[in-house]
Amino acid sequence: MNPSLPEERSDRLYIVWFLRKIFPIVLAKGGIFVSIFDEIGEAIIYLRKQRGFTQEGLALECGISVSYLRMIEHGDANPTINELWRIAEVLDVELRNPFVVPVAAGRLS
């Protein structure tokens, strides 16, 4: 565990902390590319451990192979939205739709 991470933290605070720690390092190293898949994998590892799942247990609950879960966690896979949705459901976290369009009085705004 990283000693600079506060002991008391929520899932959302951890993700914000993680992003604030990683992006300055990436920029300082000359803009090394960090893919969204790496970020998703780190979040899944954190949440899986926090919820007490092994890789085998989470893979079984999600209906995917352990090797595929490992690839997702290491940022080496391109999981589908449905796979991410199932992982989020099992880990009891919300997977938000970034394409939600606000609706006012029955019309798109």
C-alpha atoms as a PDB file:
ATOM      1  CA  MET A   1       0.000   0.000   0.000  1.00  0.00           C
ATOM      2  CA  ASN A   2       1.222   3.452  -0.869  1.00  0.00           C
ATOM      3  CA  PRO A   3       2.112   5.334   2.356  1.00  0.00           C
ATOM      4  CA  SER A   4       0.838   8.659   0.999  1.00  0.00           C
ATOM      5  CA  LEU A   5      -2.700   7.312   0.494  1.00  0.00           C
ATOM      6  CA  PRO A   6      -5.041   8.243   3.376  1.00  0.00           C
ATOM      7  CA  GLU A   7      -6.184   5.276   5.446  1.00  0.00           C
ATOM      8  CA  GLU A   8      -9.860   6.292   5.382  1.00  0.00           C
ATOM      9  CA  ARG A   9     -11.066   6.546   1.807  1.00  0.00           C
ATOM     10  CA  SER A  10     -14.076   5.937  -0.354  1.00  0.00           C
ATOM     11  CA  ASP A  11     -13.903   4.339  -3.790  1.00  0.00           C
ATOM     12  CA  ARG A  12     -14.483   7.692  -5.486  1.00  0.00           C
ATOM     13  CA  LEU A  13     -11.811   9.421  -3.382  1.00  0.00           C
ATOM     14  CA  TYR A  14      -9.353   6.656  -4.209  1.00  0.00           C
ATOM     15  CA  ILE A  15      -9.921   7.089  -7.936  1.00  0.00           C
ATOM     16  CA  VAL A  16      -9.493  10.878  -7.656  1.00  0.00           C
ATOM     17  CA  TRP A  17      -6.337  10.372  -5.554  1.00  0.00           C
ATOM     18  CA  PHE A  18      -5.011   7.816  -8.036  1.00  0.00           C
ATOM     19  CA  LEU A  19      -5.550  10.104 -11.025  1.00  0.00           C
ATOM     20  CA  ARG A  20      -3.960  13.087  -9.264  1.00  0.00           C
ATOM     21  CA  LYS A  21      -0.898  11.009  -8.395  1.00  0.00           C
ATOM     22  CA  ILE A  22      -0.465   9.308 -11.761  1.00  0.00           C
ATOM     23  CA  PHE A  23      -1.030  12.127 -14.268  1.00  0.00           C
ATOM     24  CA  PRO A  24       1.641  14.522 -12.897  1.00  0.00           C
ATOM     25  CA  ILE A  25       4.148  11.654 -12.971  1.00  0.00           C
ATOM     26  CA  VAL A  26       3.180  10.817 -16.537  1.00  0.00           C
ATOM     27  CA  LEU A  27       3.557  14.436 -17.626  1.00  0.00           C
ATOM     28  CA  ALA A  28       6.890  14.799 -15.804  1.00  0.00           C
ATOM     29  CA  LYS A  29       8.261  11.759 -17.641  1.00  0.00           C
ATOM     30  CA  GLY A  30       7.730  13.400 -21.003  1.00  0.00           C
ATOM     31  CA  GLY A  31       4.128  12.415 -21.612  1.00  0.00           C
ATOM     32  CA  ILE A  32       4.328   8.642 -21.347  1.00  0.00           C
ATOM     33  CA  PHE A  33       0.992   7.295 -22.560  1.00  0.00           C
ATOM     34  CA  VAL A  34      -1.220   5.725 -19.895  1.00  0.00           C
ATOM     35  CA  SER A  35      -4.200   4.043 -21.461  1.00  0.00           C
ATOM     36  CA  ILE A  36      -7.706   4.090 -20.072  1.00  0.00           C
ATOM     37  CA  PHE A  37      -7.393   0.308 -19.871  1.00  0.00           C
ATOM     38  CA  ASP A  38      -4.495   0.650 -17.404  1.00  0.00           C
ATOM     39  CA  GLU A  39      -6.609   2.981 -15.262  1.00  0.00           C
ATOM     40  CA  ILE A  40      -9.618   0.654 -15.383  1.00  0.00           C
ATOM     41  CA  GLY A  41      -7.402  -2.298 -14.460  1.00  0.00           C
ATOM     42  CA  GLU A  42      -5.933  -0.492 -11.447  1.00  0.00           C
ATOM     43  CA  ALA A  43      -9.414   0.440 -10.238  1.00  0.00           C
ATOM     44  CA  ILE A  44     -10.630  -3.156 -10.632  1.00  0.00           C
ATOM     45  CA  ILE A  45      -7.642  -4.494  -8.681  1.00  0.00           C
ATOM     46  CA  TYR A  46      -8.249  -1.995  -5.874  1.00  0.00           C
ATOM     47  CA  LEU A  47     -11.993  -2.693  -5.684  1.00  0.00           C
ATOM     48  CA  ARG A  48     -11.537  -6.474  -5.986  1.00  0.00           C
ATOM     49  CA  LYS A  49      -9.124  -6.527  -3.056  1.00  0.00           C
ATOM     50  CA  GLN A  50     -11.279  -4.137  -1.024  1.00  0.00           C
ATOM     51  CA  ARG A  51     -14.308  -6.390  -1.543  1.00  0.00           C
ATOM     52  CA  GLY A  52     -12.329  -9.505  -0.598  1.00  0.00           C
ATOM     53  CA  PHE A  53     -12.411 -11.207  -4.003  1.00  0.00           C
ATOM     54  CA  THR A  54      -9.602 -13.290  -5.409  1.00  0.00           C
ATOM     55  CA  GLN A  55      -9.051 -13.121  -9.150  1.00  0.00           C
ATOM     56  CA  GLU A  56     -10.561 -16.583  -9.397  1.00  0.00           C
ATOM     57  CA  GLY A  57     -13.628 -15.615  -7.357  1.00  0.00           C
ATOM     58  CA  LEU A  58     -14.309 -12.419  -9.287  1.00  0.00           C
ATOM     59  CA  ALA A  59     -13.809 -14.128 -12.644  1.00  0.00           C
ATOM     60  CA  LEU A  60     -16.246 -16.872 -11.653  1.00  0.00           C
ATOM     61  CA  GLU A  61     -18.881 -14.369 -10.513  1.00  0.00           C
ATOM     62  CA  CYS A  62     -18.461 -12.347 -13.718  1.00  0.00           C
ATOM     63  CA  GLY A  63     -18.553 -15.351 -16.032  1.00  0.00           C
ATOM     64  CA  ILE A  64     -15.124 -14.701 -17.531  1.00  0.00           C
ATOM     65  CA  SER A  65     -11.883 -16.651 -17.416  1.00  0.00           C
ATOM     66  CA  VAL A  66      -9.229 -15.895 -14.830  1.00  0.00           C
ATOM     67  CA  SER A  67      -6.665 -15.254 -17.561  1.00  0.00           C
ATOM     68  CA  TYR A  68      -8.977 -12.716 -19.207  1.00  0.00           C
ATOM     69  CA  LEU A  69      -9.562 -10.946 -15.866  1.00  0.00           C
ATOM     70  CA  ARG A  70      -5.787 -10.782 -15.390  1.00  0.00           C
ATOM     71  CA  MET A  71      -5.445  -9.212 -18.834  1.00  0.00           C
ATOM     72  CA  ILE A  72      -8.120  -6.633 -17.943  1.00  0.00           C
ATOM     73  CA  GLU A  73      -6.417  -5.846 -14.631  1.00  0.00           C
ATOM     74  CA  HIS A  74      -3.058  -5.348 -16.368  1.00  0.00           C
ATOM     75  CA  GLY A  75      -4.516  -3.149 -19.097  1.00  0.00           C
ATOM     76  CA  ASP A  76      -3.793  -5.748 -21.776  1.00  0.00           C
ATOM     77  CA  ALA A  77      -7.412  -6.367 -22.808  1.00  0.00           C
ATOM     78  CA  ASN A  78     -10.156  -4.330 -24.422  1.00  0.00           C
ATOM     79  CA  PRO A  79     -13.210  -5.404 -22.402  1.00  0.00           C
ATOM     80  CA  THR A  80     -16.679  -4.807 -23.777  1.00  0.00           C
ATOM     81  CA  ILE A  81     -19.124  -2.476 -22.078  1.00  0.00           C
ATOM     82  CA  ASN A  82     -21.152  -5.530 -21.066  1.00  0.00           C
ATOM     83  CA  GLU A  83     -18.089  -7.124 -19.417  1.00  0.00           C
ATOM     84  CA  LEU A  84     -17.279  -3.905 -17.552  1.00  0.00           C
ATOM     85  CA  TRP A  85     -20.928  -3.585 -16.541  1.00  0.00           C
ATOM     86  CA  ARG A  86     -20.902  -7.114 -15.089  1.00  0.00           C
ATOM     87  CA  ILE A  87     -17.631  -6.520 -13.221  1.00  0.00           C
ATOM     88  CA  ALA A  88     -19.017  -3.273 -11.786  1.00  0.00           C
ATOM     89  CA  GLU A  89     -22.226  -5.060 -10.785  1.00  0.00           C
ATOM     90  CA  VAL A  90     -20.344  -7.825  -8.965  1.00  0.00           C
ATOM     91  CA  LEU A  91     -18.049  -5.281  -7.273  1.00  0.00           C
ATOM     92  CA  ASP A  92     -21.138  -3.263  -6.299  1.00  0.00           C
ATOM     93  CA  VAL A  93     -20.046  -0.015  -7.937  1.00  0.00           C
ATOM     94  CA  GLU A  94     -21.864   2.218 -10.381  1.00  0.00           C
ATOM     95  CA  LEU A  95     -20.763   2.207 -14.000  1.00  0.00           C
ATOM     96  CA  ARG A  96     -21.914   5.559 -15.344  1.00  0.00           C
ATOM     97  CA  ASN A  97     -22.960   6.234 -18.900  1.00  0.00           C
ATOM     98  CA  PRO A  98     -20.905   9.179 -20.203  1.00  0.00           C
ATOM     99  CA  PHE A  99     -23.386   9.682 -23.064  1.00  0.00           C
ATOM    100  CA  VAL A 100     -26.461  10.519 -20.998  1.00  0.00           C
ATOM    101  CA  VAL A 101     -28.346  13.377 -22.632  1.00  0.00           C
ATOM    102  CA  PRO A 102     -30.245  15.699 -20.281  1.00  0.00           C
ATOM    103  CA  VAL A 103     -33.966  15.770 -20.981  1.00  0.00           C
ATOM    104  CA  ALA A 104     -36.095  18.780 -20.055  1.00  0.00           C
ATOM    105  CA  ALA A 105     -39.872  18.706 -20.475  1.00  0.00           C
ATOM    106  CA  GLY A 106     -39.650  15.769 -22.858  1.00  0.00           C
ATOM    107  CA  ARG A 107     -37.209  17.511 -25.222  1.00  0.00           C
ATOM    108  CA  LEU A 108     -33.475  17.187 -25.568  1.00  0.00           C
ATOM    109  CA  SER A 109     -31.606  20.199 -24.299  1.00  0.00           C
END
